[in-house]
Every structure is written in C-alpha cells, then in structure tokens.
Amino acid sequence: MPIGTKPSGGLELRVSLAEQRLTVVENGAPVRTYSVSTSKHGAGELRGSYKTPRGRHIVRAKIGAGAPLGSVFTGRRPTGEIYSEALARAHPERDWILTRILWLSGTEIGRNRLGEVDTMRRYIYIHGTPDSTELGTPGSIGCIRMANADIVELFDRVPVGTPVTIG
C-alpha cells in the first residue's frame, strides 16, 4: 500500500499528546479510546531525541501476532521471556516492549520521513508495556505505550497501512 493511502473502511488512529490518549476513528467517528504513555521528553522528530514524533504516519508493520500477553521483544524479535517483576528486577536497564508491536512510518517527507527525522528508522512503535507502567502521563523514550490487553485489541483491529496522526 503506498505511503499515506487509507485502507478500506475509513479506519484511523489519533494520538493526543496533551491528553495521553489514542482514539480509534471509523468513518470519521470515534469508536474506542485508550490511555497511553508517550515520551517523557516531549514531542519531536529528530533521531536521538527520544521524543514522540508528530504528524501523519501509517502502521508499517505488525509484529507479535499470537504471542502470549507479556511476551518480551528486543529488536522486534520475541526473546522467549514473559515479563515478570522478577525479570524486571534482574534487568532494571531494559525498556520493556511487550505483547505486540505496531511499527510506525512517517508519511511527511522532511517532517517525519527520511533523513534525520525518519520515524521508522527511529524504531517508533505503539507497543505493550508492563502492567505497573503508569498510563495517561508521559513516560516513554519515544514510543507510544499501551496496556497489554489494549494493544492486543488494537493490533487485532487495525491492518497494516492504517493512518496514525500524532499531535
């Protein structure tokens, strides 16, 4: 599907940085809202900024279909681990990417696509997070974190190519 093309059905995702909410919109009407956590460093597009990129994106890839809740991913690959507090204590430095990954790609050349502002090359995802993670307040290092049950529901609902607006 070409960059920026809407899949059939009029489905889109809207992420509000101010409200820390992700809204599923179908045919222009909001149908589901989730609490999320975006970057604790604020909004921004530059590589290495650890900020959540703004603008128009698409879901470029879906990773983790069928994985158990709490499955740990590193480098977009399952590690075979299931998140637990004991695992977190053993690896306090890890940024936990759990359960499912919706990998985003910017569609606005010079803003969030290509060069030093490329969302996909920055590995910006919508992904699951430990249940202990506070949602509704910024806390990530660029990605959009969601509760594990919520990311499964969202993952199953959206096809690759779904538009995502972050603002």
N, C-alpha and C. Protein backbone atom coordinates (compact mmCIF):
# COMPACT_ATOMS: atom_id res chain seq x y z
N MET A 1 0.85 -1.18 0.00
CA MET A 1 0.00 0.00 0.00
C MET A 1 0.90 1.24 0.00
N PRO A 2 0.67 2.21 -0.89
CA PRO A 2 1.50 3.41 -0.94
C PRO A 2 1.42 4.21 0.35
N ILE A 3 2.50 4.93 0.64
CA ILE A 3 2.56 5.77 1.83
C ILE A 3 1.37 6.73 1.84
N GLY A 4 0.70 6.80 2.98
CA GLY A 4 -0.40 7.75 3.17
C GLY A 4 -1.74 7.29 2.63
N THR A 5 -1.80 6.09 2.02
CA THR A 5 -3.06 5.59 1.50
C THR A 5 -3.89 4.99 2.62
N LYS A 6 -5.15 5.38 2.69
CA LYS A 6 -6.03 4.83 3.72
C LYS A 6 -6.52 3.45 3.30
N PRO A 7 -6.49 2.49 4.23
CA PRO A 7 -7.09 1.20 3.91
C PRO A 7 -8.60 1.36 3.84
N SER A 8 -9.26 0.38 3.25
CA SER A 8 -10.71 0.47 3.14
C SER A 8 -11.34 0.46 4.53
N GLY A 9 -12.52 1.05 4.64
CA GLY A 9 -13.23 1.06 5.91
C GLY A 9 -13.11 2.35 6.67
N GLY A 10 -12.27 3.28 6.23
CA GLY A 10 -12.16 4.58 6.88
C GLY A 10 -11.63 4.51 8.30
N LEU A 11 -10.77 3.53 8.60
CA LEU A 11 -10.21 3.38 9.94
C LEU A 11 -8.96 4.23 10.08
N GLU A 12 -8.82 4.93 11.21
CA GLU A 12 -7.61 5.69 11.50
C GLU A 12 -7.40 5.76 13.01
N LEU A 13 -6.16 6.05 13.40
CA LEU A 13 -5.81 6.21 14.80
C LEU A 13 -5.36 7.64 15.02
N ARG A 14 -5.77 8.21 16.15
CA ARG A 14 -5.35 9.57 16.52
C ARG A 14 -4.77 9.52 17.92
N VAL A 15 -3.55 10.00 18.06
CA VAL A 15 -2.88 10.04 19.36
C VAL A 15 -2.80 11.49 19.80
N SER A 16 -3.36 11.76 20.98
CA SER A 16 -3.30 13.09 21.57
C SER A 16 -2.18 13.12 22.59
N LEU A 17 -1.14 13.91 22.31
CA LEU A 17 -0.04 14.05 23.26
C LEU A 17 -0.50 14.78 24.52
N ALA A 18 -1.35 15.77 24.36
CA ALA A 18 -1.83 16.55 25.51
C ALA A 18 -2.68 15.70 26.45
N GLU A 19 -3.52 14.84 25.89
CA GLU A 19 -4.44 14.03 26.70
C GLU A 19 -3.90 12.65 27.01
N GLN A 20 -2.77 12.25 26.36
CA GLN A 20 -2.21 10.91 26.53
C GLN A 20 -3.28 9.85 26.24
N ARG A 21 -3.93 10.03 25.07
CA ARG A 21 -5.00 9.14 24.62
C ARG A 21 -4.77 8.74 23.17
N LEU A 22 -5.16 7.51 22.86
CA LEU A 22 -5.20 7.03 21.48
C LEU A 22 -6.66 6.74 21.18
N THR A 23 -7.16 7.33 20.10
CA THR A 23 -8.56 7.15 19.72
C THR A 23 -8.63 6.42 18.38
N VAL A 24 -9.45 5.39 18.32
CA VAL A 24 -9.74 4.68 17.08
C VAL A 24 -10.93 5.39 16.45
N VAL A 25 -10.77 5.79 15.19
CA VAL A 25 -11.82 6.50 14.47
C VAL A 25 -12.21 5.67 13.26
N GLU A 26 -13.51 5.45 13.10
CA GLU A 26 -14.04 4.74 11.93
C GLU A 26 -15.01 5.65 11.21
N ASN A 27 -14.74 5.87 9.93
CA ASN A 27 -15.59 6.73 9.10
C ASN A 27 -15.86 8.07 9.77
N GLY A 28 -14.82 8.63 10.39
CA GLY A 28 -14.90 9.96 10.99
C GLY A 28 -15.44 10.02 12.40
N ALA A 29 -15.90 8.89 12.95
CA ALA A 29 -16.47 8.89 14.30
C ALA A 29 -15.58 8.10 15.26
N PRO A 30 -15.30 8.67 16.45
CA PRO A 30 -14.52 7.93 17.44
C PRO A 30 -15.31 6.73 17.94
N VAL A 31 -14.64 5.56 17.99
CA VAL A 31 -15.32 4.34 18.42
C VAL A 31 -14.67 3.69 19.64
N ARG A 32 -13.43 4.07 19.95
CA ARG A 32 -12.74 3.47 21.12
C ARG A 32 -11.59 4.39 21.49
N THR A 33 -11.37 4.57 22.79
CA THR A 33 -10.28 5.40 23.28
C THR A 33 -9.47 4.61 24.30
N TYR A 34 -8.16 4.73 24.22
CA TYR A 34 -7.25 4.06 25.14
C TYR A 34 -6.34 5.07 25.82
N SER A 35 -5.99 4.80 27.06
CA SER A 35 -4.98 5.58 27.75
C SER A 35 -3.61 5.10 27.29
N VAL A 36 -2.69 6.04 27.01
CA VAL A 36 -1.35 5.70 26.54
C VAL A 36 -0.32 6.50 27.33
N SER A 37 0.94 6.21 27.05
CA SER A 37 2.05 6.98 27.59
C SER A 37 3.02 7.26 26.45
N THR A 38 3.23 8.54 26.15
CA THR A 38 4.17 8.94 25.12
C THR A 38 5.48 9.38 25.80
N SER A 39 6.36 10.01 25.06
CA SER A 39 7.70 10.31 25.57
C SER A 39 7.73 11.29 26.74
N LYS A 40 8.53 10.93 27.73
CA LYS A 40 8.77 11.83 28.87
C LYS A 40 9.61 13.03 28.44
N HIS A 41 10.19 12.99 27.23
CA HIS A 41 10.99 14.09 26.70
C HIS A 41 10.18 15.03 25.83
N GLY A 42 8.90 14.76 25.67
CA GLY A 42 8.02 15.61 24.87
C GLY A 42 7.93 15.16 23.42
N ALA A 43 7.51 16.09 22.58
CA ALA A 43 7.31 15.81 21.16
C ALA A 43 8.51 16.29 20.35
N GLY A 44 8.86 15.53 19.32
CA GLY A 44 9.95 15.92 18.45
C GLY A 44 10.29 14.80 17.48
N GLU A 45 10.90 15.18 16.39
CA GLU A 45 11.11 14.24 15.30
C GLU A 45 12.57 13.81 15.10
N LEU A 46 13.52 14.53 15.65
CA LEU A 46 14.94 14.25 15.36
C LEU A 46 15.41 12.92 15.92
N ARG A 47 16.19 12.22 15.12
CA ARG A 47 16.83 10.98 15.56
C ARG A 47 17.66 11.29 16.82
N GLY A 48 17.60 10.41 17.80
CA GLY A 48 18.37 10.58 19.02
C GLY A 48 17.73 11.49 20.05
N SER A 49 16.56 12.05 19.74
CA SER A 49 15.90 12.99 20.67
C SER A 49 15.11 12.27 21.76
N TYR A 50 14.75 11.02 21.53
CA TYR A 50 13.91 10.25 22.44
C TYR A 50 12.55 10.91 22.66
N LYS A 51 12.09 11.63 21.65
CA LYS A 51 10.80 12.30 21.69
C LYS A 51 9.81 11.58 20.78
N THR A 52 8.52 11.76 21.05
CA THR A 52 7.48 11.16 20.22
C THR A 52 7.26 12.04 18.99
N PRO A 53 7.38 11.44 17.79
CA PRO A 53 7.23 12.23 16.56
C PRO A 53 5.77 12.60 16.29
N ARG A 54 5.58 13.81 15.78
CA ARG A 54 4.25 14.31 15.45
C ARG A 54 3.96 14.13 13.96
N GLY A 55 2.70 14.37 13.62
CA GLY A 55 2.29 14.37 12.22
C GLY A 55 1.61 13.09 11.79
N ARG A 56 1.56 12.93 10.47
CA ARG A 56 0.86 11.80 9.86
C ARG A 56 1.82 10.62 9.67
N HIS A 57 1.34 9.45 10.07
CA HIS A 57 2.09 8.21 9.97
C HIS A 57 1.16 7.12 9.45
N ILE A 58 1.72 5.95 9.22
CA ILE A 58 0.93 4.75 8.97
C ILE A 58 1.50 3.62 9.81
N VAL A 59 0.67 2.60 10.05
CA VAL A 59 1.16 1.35 10.62
C VAL A 59 1.88 0.63 9.49
N ARG A 60 3.21 0.57 9.57
CA ARG A 60 4.02 -0.05 8.50
C ARG A 60 4.11 -1.56 8.68
N ALA A 61 4.17 -2.03 9.93
CA ALA A 61 4.29 -3.46 10.19
C ALA A 61 3.63 -3.80 11.52
N LYS A 62 3.13 -5.03 11.59
CA LYS A 62 2.54 -5.57 12.81
C LYS A 62 3.39 -6.77 13.23
N ILE A 63 3.84 -6.75 14.48
CA ILE A 63 4.76 -7.78 14.97
C ILE A 63 4.21 -8.38 16.25
N GLY A 64 4.21 -9.70 16.34
CA GLY A 64 3.84 -10.39 17.57
C GLY A 64 2.50 -11.09 17.55
N ALA A 65 1.89 -11.25 16.40
CA ALA A 65 0.59 -11.91 16.33
C ALA A 65 0.64 -13.26 17.03
N GLY A 66 -0.30 -13.49 17.94
CA GLY A 66 -0.39 -14.77 18.63
C GLY A 66 0.53 -14.94 19.82
N ALA A 67 1.41 -13.99 20.07
CA ALA A 67 2.32 -14.09 21.22
C ALA A 67 1.51 -13.96 22.51
N PRO A 68 1.95 -14.65 23.57
CA PRO A 68 1.25 -14.53 24.85
C PRO A 68 1.34 -13.11 25.43
N LEU A 69 0.36 -12.73 26.25
CA LEU A 69 0.43 -11.45 26.95
C LEU A 69 1.73 -11.40 27.74
N GLY A 70 2.40 -10.26 27.67
CA GLY A 70 3.65 -10.08 28.41
C GLY A 70 4.88 -10.61 27.71
N SER A 71 4.74 -11.11 26.48
CA SER A 71 5.92 -11.56 25.72
C SER A 71 6.88 -10.39 25.56
N VAL A 72 8.17 -10.66 25.78
CA VAL A 72 9.20 -9.63 25.70
C VAL A 72 9.79 -9.61 24.30
N PHE A 73 9.94 -8.40 23.74
CA PHE A 73 10.56 -8.22 22.43
C PHE A 73 11.81 -7.37 22.58
N THR A 74 12.86 -7.77 21.87
CA THR A 74 14.08 -6.99 21.76
C THR A 74 14.44 -6.97 20.28
N GLY A 75 14.66 -5.77 19.74
CA GLY A 75 14.95 -5.67 18.31
C GLY A 75 13.85 -6.25 17.45
N ARG A 76 12.59 -6.09 17.90
CA ARG A 76 11.40 -6.57 17.20
C ARG A 76 11.31 -8.09 17.11
N ARG A 77 12.08 -8.78 17.92
CA ARG A 77 12.04 -10.25 17.95
C ARG A 77 11.66 -10.71 19.36
N PRO A 78 10.81 -11.75 19.46
CA PRO A 78 10.48 -12.26 20.78
C PRO A 78 11.71 -12.91 21.41
N THR A 79 11.93 -12.65 22.69
CA THR A 79 13.09 -13.22 23.39
C THR A 79 12.78 -14.59 23.96
N GLY A 80 11.49 -14.96 24.02
CA GLY A 80 11.07 -16.19 24.67
C GLY A 80 10.73 -15.97 26.13
N GLU A 81 10.95 -14.76 26.62
CA GLU A 81 10.65 -14.43 28.01
C GLU A 81 9.22 -13.89 28.11
N ILE A 82 8.65 -14.05 29.30
CA ILE A 82 7.37 -13.43 29.65
C ILE A 82 7.69 -12.47 30.79
N TYR A 83 7.26 -11.23 30.66
CA TYR A 83 7.56 -10.22 31.65
C TYR A 83 7.06 -10.62 33.03
N SER A 84 7.90 -10.37 34.03
CA SER A 84 7.52 -10.57 35.44
C SER A 84 8.30 -9.55 36.26
N GLU A 85 7.87 -9.34 37.49
CA GLU A 85 8.60 -8.42 38.37
C GLU A 85 10.01 -8.95 38.63
N ALA A 86 10.16 -10.27 38.73
CA ALA A 86 11.50 -10.86 38.94
C ALA A 86 12.40 -10.56 37.74
N LEU A 87 11.86 -10.68 36.53
CA LEU A 87 12.63 -10.37 35.33
C LEU A 87 12.99 -8.89 35.30
N ALA A 88 12.06 -8.03 35.70
CA ALA A 88 12.33 -6.59 35.75
C ALA A 88 13.44 -6.27 36.75
N ARG A 89 13.43 -6.93 37.90
CA ARG A 89 14.49 -6.70 38.90
C ARG A 89 15.84 -7.18 38.37
N ALA A 90 15.84 -8.25 37.60
CA ALA A 90 17.09 -8.79 37.05
C ALA A 90 17.65 -7.93 35.93
N HIS A 91 16.78 -7.15 35.27
CA HIS A 91 17.18 -6.32 34.13
C HIS A 91 16.60 -4.91 34.27
N PRO A 92 17.03 -4.14 35.27
CA PRO A 92 16.42 -2.83 35.50
C PRO A 92 16.69 -1.81 34.39
N GLU A 93 17.66 -2.07 33.54
CA GLU A 93 18.01 -1.13 32.47
C GLU A 93 17.15 -1.28 31.21
N ARG A 94 16.36 -2.33 31.12
CA ARG A 94 15.62 -2.60 29.89
C ARG A 94 14.40 -1.69 29.74
N ASP A 95 14.17 -1.27 28.50
CA ASP A 95 12.95 -0.56 28.14
C ASP A 95 12.01 -1.65 27.62
N TRP A 96 11.00 -1.98 28.38
CA TRP A 96 10.17 -3.15 28.11
C TRP A 96 9.19 -2.93 26.96
N ILE A 97 9.37 -3.71 25.91
CA ILE A 97 8.46 -3.72 24.76
C ILE A 97 7.79 -5.09 24.80
N LEU A 98 6.48 -5.07 25.08
CA LEU A 98 5.76 -6.30 25.37
C LEU A 98 4.57 -6.55 24.45
N THR A 99 4.23 -7.83 24.30
CA THR A 99 2.98 -8.37 23.76
C THR A 99 2.78 -8.19 22.26
N ARG A 100 2.73 -6.95 21.75
CA ARG A 100 2.55 -6.66 20.33
C ARG A 100 3.27 -5.37 19.98
N ILE A 101 3.61 -5.24 18.70
CA ILE A 101 4.25 -4.02 18.19
C ILE A 101 3.53 -3.58 16.92
N LEU A 102 3.12 -2.32 16.89
CA LEU A 102 2.67 -1.66 15.66
C LEU A 102 3.79 -0.68 15.31
N TRP A 103 4.57 -0.99 14.28
CA TRP A 103 5.72 -0.19 13.89
C TRP A 103 5.24 0.93 12.98
N LEU A 104 5.54 2.15 13.34
CA LEU A 104 5.06 3.31 12.59
C LEU A 104 6.07 3.81 11.57
N SER A 105 5.55 4.38 10.49
CA SER A 105 6.35 5.03 9.46
C SER A 105 5.73 6.38 9.16
N GLY A 106 6.56 7.42 9.18
CA GLY A 106 6.07 8.75 8.84
C GLY A 106 5.69 8.84 7.37
N THR A 107 4.79 9.77 7.05
CA THR A 107 4.38 9.97 5.66
C THR A 107 4.70 11.37 5.15
N GLU A 108 5.28 12.21 6.01
CA GLU A 108 5.56 13.59 5.65
C GLU A 108 7.08 13.78 5.46
N ILE A 109 7.50 13.78 4.21
CA ILE A 109 8.93 13.92 3.90
C ILE A 109 9.46 15.22 4.49
N GLY A 110 10.58 15.09 5.23
CA GLY A 110 11.20 16.24 5.86
C GLY A 110 10.67 16.54 7.25
N ARG A 111 9.51 16.00 7.58
CA ARG A 111 8.94 16.19 8.93
C ARG A 111 9.11 14.94 9.78
N ASN A 112 8.69 13.78 9.23
CA ASN A 112 8.79 12.53 9.98
C ASN A 112 9.17 11.35 9.09
N ARG A 113 9.66 11.67 7.90
CA ARG A 113 10.06 10.63 6.96
C ARG A 113 11.35 11.05 6.25
N LEU A 114 12.29 10.12 6.22
CA LEU A 114 13.60 10.27 5.58
C LEU A 114 14.55 11.15 6.41
N GLY A 115 15.82 11.01 6.13
CA GLY A 115 16.84 11.82 6.80
C GLY A 115 16.88 11.65 8.30
N GLU A 116 17.11 12.74 8.99
CA GLU A 116 17.28 12.75 10.45
C GLU A 116 15.96 12.73 11.22
N VAL A 117 14.84 12.68 10.50
CA VAL A 117 13.53 12.72 11.15
C VAL A 117 12.67 11.50 10.80
N ASP A 118 13.28 10.41 10.42
CA ASP A 118 12.53 9.25 9.93
C ASP A 118 11.99 8.39 11.09
N THR A 119 10.67 8.42 11.25
CA THR A 119 10.02 7.69 12.34
C THR A 119 10.34 6.20 12.30
N MET A 120 10.29 5.59 11.13
CA MET A 120 10.54 4.15 11.05
C MET A 120 11.98 3.82 11.42
N ARG A 121 12.93 4.59 10.94
CA ARG A 121 14.34 4.35 11.27
C ARG A 121 14.65 4.66 12.72
N ARG A 122 13.78 5.42 13.38
CA ARG A 122 13.91 5.69 14.81
C ARG A 122 13.29 4.57 15.64
N TYR A 123 12.65 3.59 14.97
CA TYR A 123 12.02 2.46 15.65
C TYR A 123 10.94 2.94 16.64
N ILE A 124 10.04 3.76 16.11
CA ILE A 124 8.93 4.25 16.92
C ILE A 124 7.74 3.30 16.75
N TYR A 125 7.24 2.79 17.87
CA TYR A 125 6.17 1.81 17.88
C TYR A 125 5.02 2.26 18.78
N ILE A 126 3.88 1.61 18.57
CA ILE A 126 2.83 1.52 19.57
C ILE A 126 2.99 0.10 20.11
N HIS A 127 3.21 -0.04 21.42
CA HIS A 127 3.51 -1.37 21.97
C HIS A 127 2.99 -1.54 23.39
N GLY A 128 2.94 -2.79 23.82
CA GLY A 128 2.54 -3.11 25.18
C GLY A 128 3.64 -2.76 26.17
N THR A 129 3.22 -2.60 27.42
CA THR A 129 4.13 -2.19 28.49
C THR A 129 3.75 -2.94 29.77
N PRO A 130 4.65 -3.03 30.74
CA PRO A 130 4.30 -3.72 31.98
C PRO A 130 3.04 -3.12 32.64
N ASP A 131 2.27 -3.97 33.31
CA ASP A 131 1.05 -3.51 33.96
C ASP A 131 1.32 -2.44 35.00
N SER A 132 2.55 -2.42 35.53
CA SER A 132 2.91 -1.43 36.55
C SER A 132 3.23 -0.06 35.95
N THR A 133 3.33 0.05 34.63
CA THR A 133 3.63 1.33 33.97
C THR A 133 2.44 2.27 34.10
N GLU A 134 2.70 3.48 34.51
CA GLU A 134 1.64 4.48 34.62
C GLU A 134 1.27 4.96 33.22
N LEU A 135 0.00 4.82 32.87
CA LEU A 135 -0.50 5.32 31.60
C LEU A 135 -1.26 6.62 31.87
N GLY A 136 -1.44 7.42 30.82
CA GLY A 136 -2.13 8.69 30.99
C GLY A 136 -1.17 9.82 31.32
N THR A 137 0.11 9.51 31.37
CA THR A 137 1.14 10.52 31.63
C THR A 137 2.38 10.15 30.82
N PRO A 138 3.13 11.14 30.30
CA PRO A 138 4.32 10.83 29.52
C PRO A 138 5.35 10.04 30.34
N GLY A 139 5.97 9.05 29.71
CA GLY A 139 6.96 8.24 30.43
C GLY A 139 7.88 7.42 29.56
N SER A 140 7.63 7.36 28.25
CA SER A 140 8.43 6.52 27.37
C SER A 140 9.67 7.27 26.89
N ILE A 141 10.42 6.61 26.01
CA ILE A 141 11.57 7.28 25.38
C ILE A 141 11.32 7.44 23.88
N GLY A 142 10.07 7.71 23.54
CA GLY A 142 9.70 8.00 22.15
C GLY A 142 8.48 7.25 21.66
N CYS A 143 8.36 6.00 22.06
CA CYS A 143 7.24 5.18 21.61
C CYS A 143 5.94 5.54 22.33
N ILE A 144 4.87 4.89 21.88
CA ILE A 144 3.55 5.05 22.48
C ILE A 144 3.24 3.74 23.20
N ARG A 145 3.20 3.79 24.52
CA ARG A 145 2.97 2.61 25.34
C ARG A 145 1.49 2.44 25.63
N MET A 146 1.06 1.16 25.65
CA MET A 146 -0.33 0.83 25.96
C MET A 146 -0.37 -0.37 26.91
N ALA A 147 -1.50 -0.53 27.61
CA ALA A 147 -1.72 -1.73 28.41
C ALA A 147 -1.72 -2.94 27.48
N ASN A 148 -1.24 -4.08 27.98
CA ASN A 148 -1.11 -5.27 27.14
C ASN A 148 -2.43 -5.74 26.54
N ALA A 149 -3.48 -5.78 27.33
CA ALA A 149 -4.79 -6.20 26.79
C ALA A 149 -5.26 -5.22 25.72
N ASP A 150 -4.98 -3.93 25.91
CA ASP A 150 -5.39 -2.92 24.94
C ASP A 150 -4.63 -3.05 23.63
N ILE A 151 -3.32 -3.31 23.70
CA ILE A 151 -2.55 -3.42 22.45
C ILE A 151 -2.98 -4.66 21.66
N VAL A 152 -3.37 -5.73 22.34
CA VAL A 152 -3.87 -6.91 21.63
C VAL A 152 -5.16 -6.56 20.90
N GLU A 153 -6.07 -5.88 21.58
CA GLU A 153 -7.34 -5.47 20.96
C GLU A 153 -7.09 -4.56 19.75
N LEU A 154 -6.21 -3.59 19.92
CA LEU A 154 -5.90 -2.66 18.83
C LEU A 154 -5.21 -3.38 17.68
N PHE A 155 -4.23 -4.21 17.98
CA PHE A 155 -3.48 -4.97 16.98
C PHE A 155 -4.43 -5.79 16.11
N ASP A 156 -5.39 -6.45 16.75
CA ASP A 156 -6.33 -7.30 16.01
C ASP A 156 -7.30 -6.48 15.16
N ARG A 157 -7.47 -5.21 15.49
CA ARG A 157 -8.45 -4.36 14.80
C ARG A 157 -7.86 -3.64 13.58
N VAL A 158 -6.59 -3.27 13.62
CA VAL A 158 -6.04 -2.40 12.58
C VAL A 158 -5.16 -3.17 11.59
N PRO A 159 -5.36 -2.93 10.30
CA PRO A 159 -4.49 -3.54 9.29
C PRO A 159 -3.24 -2.69 9.06
N VAL A 160 -2.23 -3.31 8.47
CA VAL A 160 -1.06 -2.57 8.00
C VAL A 160 -1.59 -1.51 7.04
N GLY A 161 -1.03 -0.31 7.12
CA GLY A 161 -1.45 0.80 6.27
C GLY A 161 -2.42 1.75 6.95
N THR A 162 -2.89 1.39 8.15
CA THR A 162 -3.81 2.26 8.87
C THR A 162 -3.15 3.61 9.16
N PRO A 163 -3.78 4.72 8.83
CA PRO A 163 -3.22 6.04 9.15
C PRO A 163 -3.21 6.29 10.66
N VAL A 164 -2.15 6.94 11.12
CA VAL A 164 -1.98 7.31 12.52
C VAL A 164 -1.56 8.77 12.55
N THR A 165 -2.33 9.60 13.22
CA THR A 165 -1.97 11.02 13.39
C THR A 165 -1.57 11.23 14.83
N ILE A 166 -0.39 11.81 15.04
CA ILE A 166 0.11 12.11 16.39
C ILE A 166 0.22 13.63 16.51
N GLY A 167 -0.45 14.17 17.53
CA GLY A 167 -0.39 15.63 17.69
C GLY A 167 -0.93 16.06 19.03
